[in-house]
Amino acid sequence: MNLAEGKKCARSWRITKDVGSDMAYPDLSARDAAAVREIDAKAVS
């Protein structure tokens, strides 16, 4: 068994190498950071 490379996303719990790539959401993967950004934008509108 091999361990996954990367860090654990705080939102999805997936292990990916892109966690922390978005400085606004340092604990999230790029995919989840984009989703949260979209949710936040809709909440403000």
PDB file of N, CA and C in Angstrom:
ATOM      1  N   MET A   1       0.839  -1.165   0.000  1.00  0.00           N
ATOM      2  CA  MET A   1       0.000   0.000   0.000  1.00  0.00           C
ATOM      3  C   MET A   1       0.893   1.240   0.000  1.00  0.00           C
ATOM      4  N   ASN A   2       0.566   2.207  -0.851  1.00  0.00           N
ATOM      5  CA  ASN A   2       1.301   3.465  -0.917  1.00  0.00           C
ATOM      6  C   ASN A   2       0.468   4.585  -0.310  1.00  0.00           C
ATOM      7  N   LEU A   3       1.131   5.491   0.374  1.00  0.00           N
ATOM      8  CA  LEU A   3       0.444   6.652   0.927  1.00  0.00           C
ATOM      9  C   LEU A   3       0.265   7.699  -0.162  1.00  0.00           C
ATOM     10  N   ALA A   4      -0.846   8.406  -0.114  1.00  0.00           N
ATOM     11  CA  ALA A   4      -1.094   9.473  -1.078  1.00  0.00           C
ATOM     12  C   ALA A   4      -0.148  10.635  -0.800  1.00  0.00           C
ATOM     13  N   GLU A   5       0.263  11.293  -1.868  1.00  0.00           N
ATOM     14  CA  GLU A   5       1.130  12.461  -1.725  1.00  0.00           C
ATOM     15  C   GLU A   5       0.270  13.709  -1.628  1.00  0.00           C
ATOM     16  N   GLY A   6       0.686  14.639  -0.814  1.00  0.00           N
ATOM     17  CA  GLY A   6      -0.022  15.901  -0.687  1.00  0.00           C
ATOM     18  C   GLY A   6      -0.530  16.115   0.720  1.00  0.00           C
ATOM     19  N   LYS A   7      -1.453  17.079   0.827  1.00  0.00           N
ATOM     20  CA  LYS A   7      -2.049  17.412   2.120  1.00  0.00           C
ATOM     21  C   LYS A   7      -3.546  17.169   2.062  1.00  0.00           C
ATOM     22  N   LYS A   8      -4.148  17.064   3.236  1.00  0.00           N
ATOM     23  CA  LYS A   8      -5.581  16.797   3.346  1.00  0.00           C
ATOM     24  C   LYS A   8      -6.363  18.109   3.279  1.00  0.00           C
ATOM     25  N   CYS A   9      -7.313  18.175   2.372  1.00  0.00           N
ATOM     26  CA  CYS A   9      -8.185  19.335   2.242  1.00  0.00           C
ATOM     27  C   CYS A   9      -9.153  19.361   3.426  1.00  0.00           C
ATOM     28  N   ALA A  10      -9.294  20.517   4.054  1.00  0.00           N
ATOM     29  CA  ALA A  10     -10.159  20.650   5.225  1.00  0.00           C
ATOM     30  C   ALA A  10     -11.639  20.538   4.870  1.00  0.00           C
ATOM     31  N   ARG A  11     -11.989  20.775   3.625  1.00  0.00           N
ATOM     32  CA  ARG A  11     -13.406  20.729   3.231  1.00  0.00           C
ATOM     33  C   ARG A  11     -13.805  19.344   2.735  1.00  0.00           C
ATOM     34  N   SER A  12     -13.031  18.790   1.827  1.00  0.00           N
ATOM     35  CA  SER A  12     -13.410  17.513   1.206  1.00  0.00           C
ATOM     36  C   SER A  12     -12.685  16.306   1.796  1.00  0.00           C
ATOM     37  N   TRP A  13     -11.663  16.556   2.562  1.00  0.00           N
ATOM     38  CA  TRP A  13     -10.820  15.521   3.160  1.00  0.00           C
ATOM     39  C   TRP A  13     -10.046  14.712   2.126  1.00  0.00           C
ATOM     40  N   ARG A  14      -9.985  15.184   0.908  1.00  0.00           N
ATOM     41  CA  ARG A  14      -9.196  14.516  -0.124  1.00  0.00           C
ATOM     42  C   ARG A  14      -7.734  14.906   0.053  1.00  0.00           C
ATOM     43  N   ILE A  15      -6.847  13.986  -0.251  1.00  0.00           N
ATOM     44  CA  ILE A  15      -5.416  14.253  -0.195  1.00  0.00           C
ATOM     45  C   ILE A  15      -4.987  14.675  -1.593  1.00  0.00           C
ATOM     46  N   THR A  16      -4.525  15.921  -1.722  1.00  0.00           N
ATOM     47  CA  THR A  16      -4.077  16.422  -3.020  1.00  0.00           C
ATOM     48  C   THR A  16      -2.834  17.280  -2.848  1.00  0.00           C
ATOM     49  N   LYS A  17      -2.120  17.452  -3.932  1.00  0.00           N
ATOM     50  CA  LYS A  17      -0.902  18.255  -3.906  1.00  0.00           C
ATOM     51  C   LYS A  17      -1.183  19.747  -3.983  1.00  0.00           C
ATOM     52  N   ASP A  18      -2.416  20.134  -4.339  1.00  0.00           N
ATOM     53  CA  ASP A  18      -2.706  21.561  -4.513  1.00  0.00           C
ATOM     54  C   ASP A  18      -3.348  22.226  -3.293  1.00  0.00           C
ATOM     55  N   VAL A  19      -3.402  21.536  -2.157  1.00  0.00           N
ATOM     56  CA  VAL A  19      -3.909  22.164  -0.932  1.00  0.00           C
ATOM     57  C   VAL A  19      -2.978  23.325  -0.583  1.00  0.00           C
ATOM     58  N   GLY A  20      -3.577  24.487  -0.351  1.00  0.00           N
ATOM     59  CA  GLY A  20      -2.795  25.671  -0.018  1.00  0.00           C
ATOM     60  C   GLY A  20      -2.388  26.505  -1.212  1.00  0.00           C
ATOM     61  N   SER A  21      -2.798  26.117  -2.408  1.00  0.00           N
ATOM     62  CA  SER A  21      -2.413  26.877  -3.594  1.00  0.00           C
ATOM     63  C   SER A  21      -3.168  28.197  -3.707  1.00  0.00           C
ATOM     64  N   ASP A  22      -4.308  28.318  -3.040  1.00  0.00           N
ATOM     65  CA  ASP A  22      -5.078  29.565  -3.018  1.00  0.00           C
ATOM     66  C   ASP A  22      -4.829  30.231  -1.669  1.00  0.00           C
ATOM     67  N   MET A  23      -4.181  31.374  -1.678  1.00  0.00           N
ATOM     68  CA  MET A  23      -3.780  32.027  -0.426  1.00  0.00           C
ATOM     69  C   MET A  23      -4.978  32.464   0.419  1.00  0.00           C
ATOM     70  N   ALA A  24      -6.130  32.679  -0.201  1.00  0.00           N
ATOM     71  CA  ALA A  24      -7.323  33.066   0.551  1.00  0.00           C
ATOM     72  C   ALA A  24      -7.885  31.892   1.347  1.00  0.00           C
ATOM     73  N   TYR A  25      -7.621  30.681   0.877  1.00  0.00           N
ATOM     74  CA  TYR A  25      -8.116  29.463   1.528  1.00  0.00           C
ATOM     75  C   TYR A  25      -6.962  28.467   1.649  1.00  0.00           C
ATOM     76  N   PRO A  26      -6.037  28.703   2.568  1.00  0.00           N
ATOM     77  CA  PRO A  26      -4.821  27.886   2.637  1.00  0.00           C
ATOM     78  C   PRO A  26      -5.032  26.437   3.051  1.00  0.00           C
ATOM     79  N   ASP A  27      -6.188  26.108   3.627  1.00  0.00           N
ATOM     80  CA  ASP A  27      -6.440  24.735   4.061  1.00  0.00           C
ATOM     81  C   ASP A  27      -7.258  23.940   3.056  1.00  0.00           C
ATOM     82  N   LEU A  28      -7.553  24.546   1.894  1.00  0.00           N
ATOM     83  CA  LEU A  28      -8.402  23.888   0.902  1.00  0.00           C
ATOM     84  C   LEU A  28      -7.634  23.584  -0.372  1.00  0.00           C
ATOM     85  N   SER A  29      -8.120  22.569  -1.091  1.00  0.00           N
ATOM     86  CA  SER A  29      -7.578  22.276  -2.413  1.00  0.00           C
ATOM     87  C   SER A  29      -8.038  23.371  -3.368  1.00  0.00           C
ATOM     88  N   ALA A  30      -7.420  23.465  -4.516  1.00  0.00           N
ATOM     89  CA  ALA A  30      -7.803  24.478  -5.501  1.00  0.00           C
ATOM     90  C   ALA A  30      -9.261  24.304  -5.910  1.00  0.00           C
ATOM     91  N   ARG A  31      -9.692  23.072  -6.078  1.00  0.00           N
ATOM     92  CA  ARG A  31     -11.078  22.782  -6.468  1.00  0.00           C
ATOM     93  C   ARG A  31     -12.060  23.270  -5.407  1.00  0.00           C
ATOM     94  N   ASP A  32     -11.786  22.961  -4.150  1.00  0.00           N
ATOM     95  CA  ASP A  32     -12.685  23.366  -3.074  1.00  0.00           C
ATOM     96  C   ASP A  32     -12.605  24.867  -2.809  1.00  0.00           C
ATOM     97  N   ALA A  33     -11.442  25.463  -2.979  1.00  0.00           N
ATOM     98  CA  ALA A  33     -11.316  26.910  -2.816  1.00  0.00           C
ATOM     99  C   ALA A  33     -12.170  27.628  -3.857  1.00  0.00           C
ATOM    100  N   ALA A  34     -12.181  27.133  -5.083  1.00  0.00           N
ATOM    101  CA  ALA A  34     -13.012  27.732  -6.134  1.00  0.00           C
ATOM    102  C   ALA A  34     -14.490  27.589  -5.795  1.00  0.00           C
ATOM    103  N   ALA A  35     -14.877  26.449  -5.261  1.00  0.00           N
ATOM    104  CA  ALA A  35     -16.275  26.224  -4.887  1.00  0.00           C
ATOM    105  C   ALA A  35     -16.689  27.159  -3.754  1.00  0.00           C
ATOM    106  N   VAL A  36     -15.847  27.305  -2.749  1.00  0.00           N
ATOM    107  CA  VAL A  36     -16.159  28.184  -1.624  1.00  0.00           C
ATOM    108  C   VAL A  36     -16.210  29.637  -2.093  1.00  0.00           C
ATOM    109  N   ARG A  37     -15.316  30.015  -2.988  1.00  0.00           N
ATOM    110  CA  ARG A  37     -15.308  31.371  -3.527  1.00  0.00           C
ATOM    111  C   ARG A  37     -16.627  31.656  -4.259  1.00  0.00           C
ATOM    112  N   GLU A  38     -17.102  30.680  -5.021  1.00  0.00           N
ATOM    113  CA  GLU A  38     -18.368  30.830  -5.743  1.00  0.00           C
ATOM    114  C   GLU A  38     -19.546  30.928  -4.763  1.00  0.00           C
ATOM    115  N   ILE A  39     -19.546  30.104  -3.737  1.00  0.00           N
ATOM    116  CA  ILE A  39     -20.607  30.146  -2.719  1.00  0.00           C
ATOM    117  C   ILE A  39     -20.597  31.502  -2.013  1.00  0.00           C
ATOM    118  N   ASP A  40     -19.415  31.988  -1.660  1.00  0.00           N
ATOM    119  CA  ASP A  40     -19.300  33.290  -0.996  1.00  0.00           C
ATOM    120  C   ASP A  40     -19.808  34.412  -1.897  1.00  0.00           C
ATOM    121  N   ALA A  41     -19.500  34.342  -3.188  1.00  0.00           N
ATOM    122  CA  ALA A  41     -19.935  35.374  -4.128  1.00  0.00           C
ATOM    123  C   ALA A  41     -21.455  35.389  -4.253  1.00  0.00           C
ATOM    124  N   LYS A  42     -22.075  34.225  -4.258  1.00  0.00           N
ATOM    125  CA  LYS A  42     -23.535  34.151  -4.357  1.00  0.00           C
ATOM    126  C   LYS A  42     -24.198  34.642  -3.075  1.00  0.00           C
ATOM    127  N   ALA A  43     -23.559  34.440  -1.943  1.00  0.00           N
ATOM    128  CA  ALA A  43     -24.120  34.875  -0.664  1.00  0.00           C
ATOM    129  C   ALA A  43     -24.118  36.399  -0.550  1.00  0.00           C
ATOM    130  N   VAL A  44     -23.140  37.040  -1.165  1.00  0.00           N
ATOM    131  CA  VAL A  44     -23.023  38.492  -1.119  1.00  0.00           C
ATOM    132  C   VAL A  44     -23.992  39.144  -2.099  1.00  0.00           C
ATOM    133  N   SER A  45     -24.272  38.480  -3.192  1.00  0.00           N
ATOM    134  CA  SER A  45     -25.134  39.051  -4.243  1.00  0.00           C
ATOM    135  C   SER A  45     -26.544  39.255  -3.789  1.00  0.00           C
TER     136      SER A  45
END
